[in-house]
């Protein structure tokens, strides 16, 4: 989430890299209309109250599984015409709500957190690495070494920042990714299970149903029916 003075923005992308960009611009006036008087994030409130500043302001660079799912639904929108515009605006406002909710939770949490900024950054680094190696995550000791912590400290840092242990977070991330694959692709369950690091499709189906209360097949069928209505 980025505040940009003016109407131009530039991005630098590594020559061997790539980027999928979803850009949504919203004015100060519209933000003030959307936010309640109880929203207290100092930097954002200051920008909205005092008008434009001369410098861009990065408010949040966090990507949660819920945010990723909304972005995937935007990227794979199946509607056309006015219906598409209405759908995209609703999804983008939902994404904005998740970002603002995260900013509020982080503000409240920082007053109680015992983690340093470096430790918070290391937890985020491990999360990104696990997301990129979801099919074959390294053991906890290797992750701890990557974060310059011991395994107990890393688990404690995850619980402090994210409310769950390292591998609880990994399980949650796998299942959120599974929902995205089921909703936006026709990839067979066996392939999804393999991509996400499950030893078999039956283990994947059991984990999915334990988390969401329905099987992967039922979830995919429900999503297909909702797209047709």
Protein backbone atom coordinates (compact mmCIF):
# COMPACT_ATOMS: atom_id res chain seq x y z
CA UNK A 1 0.00 0.00 0.00
CA UNK A 2 1.68 3.16 -1.26
CA UNK A 3 0.83 6.86 -1.09
CA UNK A 4 2.06 8.59 -4.25
CA UNK A 5 1.98 12.41 -4.60
CA UNK A 6 0.87 13.32 -8.10
CA UNK A 7 -0.23 10.80 -10.69
CA UNK A 8 3.00 9.08 -11.78
CA UNK A 9 4.78 6.05 -10.38
CA UNK A 10 7.86 4.19 -11.63
CA UNK A 11 9.10 0.71 -10.75
CA UNK A 12 12.51 -0.90 -11.14
CA UNK A 13 12.43 -4.62 -11.96
CA UNK A 14 15.57 -6.82 -12.09
CA UNK A 15 16.54 -7.88 -15.61
CA UNK A 16 16.09 -11.54 -14.72
CA UNK A 17 12.91 -10.97 -12.74
CA UNK A 18 9.28 -10.20 -13.40
CA UNK A 19 6.28 -8.57 -11.81
CA UNK A 20 2.51 -8.92 -11.87
CA UNK A 21 1.07 -5.48 -11.16
CA UNK A 22 -2.45 -4.64 -10.04
CA UNK A 23 -2.68 -0.86 -9.81
CA UNK A 24 -5.64 0.83 -8.16
CA UNK A 25 -5.67 4.57 -7.55
CA UNK A 26 -7.92 6.21 -4.99
CA UNK A 27 -8.09 9.91 -4.13
CA UNK A 28 -7.62 11.48 -0.69
CA UNK A 29 -11.25 12.58 -0.71
CA UNK A 30 -12.52 9.07 -1.44
CA UNK A 31 -10.29 7.61 1.29
CA UNK A 32 -11.66 10.10 3.80
CA UNK A 33 -15.19 9.09 2.80
CA UNK A 34 -14.40 5.38 3.26
CA UNK A 35 -12.57 5.58 6.58
CA UNK A 36 -14.36 5.99 9.88
CA UNK A 37 -13.32 8.61 12.43
CA UNK A 38 -11.89 5.81 14.60
CA UNK A 39 -9.13 4.90 12.13
CA UNK A 40 -5.90 5.94 13.85
CA UNK A 41 -2.91 5.01 11.67
CA UNK A 42 -0.86 8.20 12.13
CA UNK A 43 0.94 8.38 8.77
CA UNK A 44 -2.17 7.73 6.68
CA UNK A 45 -4.40 10.01 8.76
CA UNK A 46 -1.79 12.78 8.47
CA UNK A 47 -1.68 12.48 4.69
CA UNK A 48 -5.46 12.49 4.39
CA UNK A 49 -5.93 15.46 6.73
CA UNK A 50 -3.12 17.66 5.47
CA UNK A 51 -3.29 16.86 1.77
CA UNK A 52 -0.50 15.82 -0.52
CA UNK A 53 3.13 15.71 0.58
CA UNK A 54 6.15 15.86 -1.68
CA UNK A 55 7.41 12.35 -0.96
CA UNK A 56 5.93 8.89 -1.65
CA UNK A 57 4.98 6.98 1.50
CA UNK A 58 5.08 3.19 1.80
CA UNK A 59 2.38 2.23 4.29
CA UNK A 60 2.54 -1.55 3.96
CA UNK A 61 4.27 -4.16 1.78
CA UNK A 62 2.72 -7.20 3.48
CA UNK A 63 0.90 -9.82 1.40
CA UNK A 64 -1.31 -12.15 3.45
CA UNK A 65 -2.98 -15.29 2.04
CA UNK A 66 -6.32 -13.46 2.06
CA UNK A 67 -4.84 -10.57 0.05
CA UNK A 68 -3.26 -12.99 -2.40
CA UNK A 69 -6.59 -14.74 -2.93
CA UNK A 70 -8.30 -11.44 -3.74
CA UNK A 71 -5.52 -10.52 -6.18
CA UNK A 72 -5.92 -13.88 -7.91
CA UNK A 73 -9.67 -13.31 -8.23
CA UNK A 74 -8.94 -9.93 -9.84
CA UNK A 75 -6.37 -11.41 -12.22
CA UNK A 76 -8.74 -14.21 -13.28
CA UNK A 77 -11.95 -12.21 -13.44
CA UNK A 78 -14.43 -13.97 -15.73
CA UNK A 79 -16.98 -11.18 -16.06
CA UNK A 80 -17.31 -8.70 -18.91
CA UNK A 81 -18.61 -5.18 -19.40
CA UNK A 82 -20.31 -3.28 -16.56
CA UNK A 83 -20.49 -6.44 -14.45
CA UNK A 84 -16.71 -6.75 -14.63
CA UNK A 85 -16.23 -3.15 -13.50
CA UNK A 86 -18.55 -3.66 -10.54
CA UNK A 87 -16.87 -6.93 -9.57
CA UNK A 88 -13.35 -5.48 -9.79
CA UNK A 89 -14.25 -2.43 -7.73
CA UNK A 90 -15.72 -4.65 -5.02
CA UNK A 91 -12.63 -6.88 -4.93
CA UNK A 92 -10.27 -3.90 -4.87
CA UNK A 93 -12.18 -2.30 -2.01
CA UNK A 94 -11.97 -5.63 -0.20
CA UNK A 95 -8.20 -5.61 -0.75
CA UNK A 96 -8.02 -2.07 0.62
CA UNK A 97 -10.01 -3.16 3.68
CA UNK A 98 -7.57 -6.01 4.35
CA UNK A 99 -4.60 -3.63 4.06
CA UNK A 100 -6.15 -1.08 6.41
CA UNK A 101 -7.14 -3.79 8.87
CA UNK A 102 -3.56 -5.04 8.85
CA UNK A 103 -2.22 -1.53 9.52
CA UNK A 104 -4.54 -1.15 12.50
CA UNK A 105 -3.64 -4.56 13.95
CA UNK A 106 0.07 -3.90 13.47
CA UNK A 107 -0.20 -0.54 15.24
CA UNK A 108 -1.89 -2.14 18.26
CA UNK A 109 0.54 -5.05 18.24
CA UNK A 110 3.68 -2.91 18.14
CA UNK A 111 2.90 -1.46 21.53
CA UNK A 112 3.08 -4.97 23.01
CA UNK A 113 5.65 -6.66 20.76
CA UNK A 114 9.03 -7.67 22.13
CA UNK A 115 10.45 -8.22 18.65
CA UNK A 116 12.99 -5.86 17.14
CA UNK A 117 12.53 -4.47 13.64
CA UNK A 118 15.33 -6.78 12.50
CA UNK A 119 13.54 -9.82 13.92
CA UNK A 120 10.27 -8.78 12.26
CA UNK A 121 12.15 -8.49 8.97
CA UNK A 122 13.67 -11.94 9.43
CA UNK A 123 10.24 -13.48 10.04
CA UNK A 124 8.98 -11.87 6.82
CA UNK A 125 12.03 -13.17 5.00
CA UNK A 126 11.31 -16.73 6.15
CA UNK A 127 7.66 -16.38 5.11
CA UNK A 128 8.66 -15.30 1.61
CA UNK A 129 11.14 -18.17 1.33
CA UNK A 130 8.57 -20.73 2.45
CA UNK A 131 6.01 -19.37 -0.02
CA UNK A 132 8.56 -19.76 -2.82
CA UNK A 133 9.51 -23.31 -1.73
CA UNK A 134 6.08 -24.48 -0.63
CA UNK A 135 6.50 -27.88 -2.29
CA UNK A 136 9.72 -28.76 -0.44
CA UNK A 137 10.27 -26.54 2.61
CA UNK A 138 13.59 -26.89 4.42
CA UNK A 139 13.76 -28.18 8.01
CA UNK A 140 13.22 -25.79 10.90
CA UNK A 141 16.93 -25.68 11.80
CA UNK A 142 17.79 -24.47 8.29
CA UNK A 143 15.10 -21.79 8.44
CA UNK A 144 16.37 -20.69 11.83
CA UNK A 145 19.91 -20.40 10.46
CA UNK A 146 18.57 -18.30 7.60
CA UNK A 147 16.97 -15.95 10.13
CA UNK A 148 20.06 -15.86 12.39
CA UNK A 149 18.02 -17.32 15.26
CA UNK A 150 17.78 -20.66 16.99
CA UNK A 151 14.72 -22.79 16.24
CA UNK A 152 12.95 -21.92 19.51
CA UNK A 153 13.47 -18.20 18.97
CA UNK A 154 12.16 -18.42 15.39
CA UNK A 155 9.01 -20.25 16.47
CA UNK A 156 8.52 -17.73 19.28
CA UNK A 157 8.96 -14.84 16.83
CA UNK A 158 6.37 -16.36 14.47
CA UNK A 159 3.91 -16.75 17.35
CA UNK A 160 4.56 -13.20 18.48
CA UNK A 161 4.07 -11.67 15.04
CA UNK A 162 1.66 -14.06 13.28
CA UNK A 163 -0.03 -15.95 16.12
CA UNK A 164 1.21 -19.37 15.03
CA UNK A 165 4.37 -21.48 14.78
CA UNK A 166 6.47 -21.70 11.61
CA UNK A 167 4.88 -24.89 10.34
CA UNK A 168 1.39 -23.88 11.43
CA UNK A 169 1.89 -20.86 9.17
CA UNK A 170 3.19 -23.13 6.41
CA UNK A 171 0.11 -25.37 6.63
CA UNK A 172 -2.16 -22.33 6.47
CA UNK A 173 -0.28 -20.89 3.48
CA UNK A 174 -0.50 -24.21 1.62
CA UNK A 175 -4.24 -24.41 2.09
CA UNK A 176 -4.82 -20.80 1.06
CA UNK A 177 -2.78 -21.46 -2.09
CA UNK A 178 -4.86 -24.58 -2.65
CA UNK A 179 -8.06 -22.53 -2.58
CA UNK A 180 -6.61 -20.22 -5.23
CA UNK A 181 -5.69 -23.14 -7.51
CA UNK A 182 -9.10 -24.75 -7.06
CA UNK A 183 -10.95 -21.54 -7.78
CA UNK A 184 -8.95 -20.27 -10.73
CA UNK A 185 -7.65 -23.35 -12.54
CA UNK A 186 -8.66 -26.82 -13.67
CA UNK A 187 -5.46 -28.36 -12.34
CA UNK A 188 -6.12 -31.95 -11.14
CA UNK A 189 -6.09 -32.50 -7.37
CA UNK A 190 -3.09 -34.82 -7.62
CA UNK A 191 -1.07 -32.06 -9.29
CA UNK A 192 -2.17 -29.44 -6.75
CA UNK A 193 -1.19 -31.77 -3.93
CA UNK A 194 2.25 -32.30 -5.47
CA UNK A 195 2.80 -28.58 -6.13
CA UNK A 196 2.01 -27.75 -2.51
CA UNK A 197 4.17 -30.46 -0.98
CA UNK A 198 1.56 -33.02 0.10
CA UNK A 199 2.63 -36.65 -0.03
CA UNK A 200 -0.65 -37.70 -1.65
CA UNK A 201 -3.95 -36.28 -2.87
CA UNK A 202 -5.74 -38.04 0.00
CA UNK A 203 -3.55 -36.26 2.56
CA UNK A 204 -4.26 -33.00 0.77
CA UNK A 205 -8.02 -33.64 0.74
CA UNK A 206 -8.00 -34.54 4.44
CA UNK A 207 -6.08 -31.38 5.38
CA UNK A 208 -8.34 -29.19 3.22
CA UNK A 209 -11.57 -30.63 4.67
CA UNK A 210 -10.24 -30.36 8.24
CA UNK A 211 -9.54 -26.66 7.68
CA UNK A 212 -12.54 -25.54 5.61
CA UNK A 213 -15.21 -28.15 6.36
CA UNK A 214 -15.64 -29.26 2.74
CA UNK A 215 -13.57 -31.35 0.34
CA UNK A 216 -11.48 -29.76 -2.43
CA UNK A 217 -13.89 -31.17 -5.02
CA UNK A 218 -16.87 -29.59 -3.26
CA UNK A 219 -15.06 -26.26 -2.96
CA UNK A 220 -14.20 -26.22 -6.66
CA UNK A 221 -17.79 -27.12 -7.57
CA UNK A 222 -19.16 -24.34 -5.33
CA UNK A 223 -16.84 -21.77 -6.90
CA UNK A 224 -17.85 -22.84 -10.38
CA UNK A 225 -21.53 -22.50 -9.50
CA UNK A 226 -21.01 -19.02 -7.99
CA UNK A 227 -19.20 -17.89 -11.16
CA UNK A 228 -22.17 -18.96 -13.27
CA UNK A 229 -24.73 -17.09 -11.17
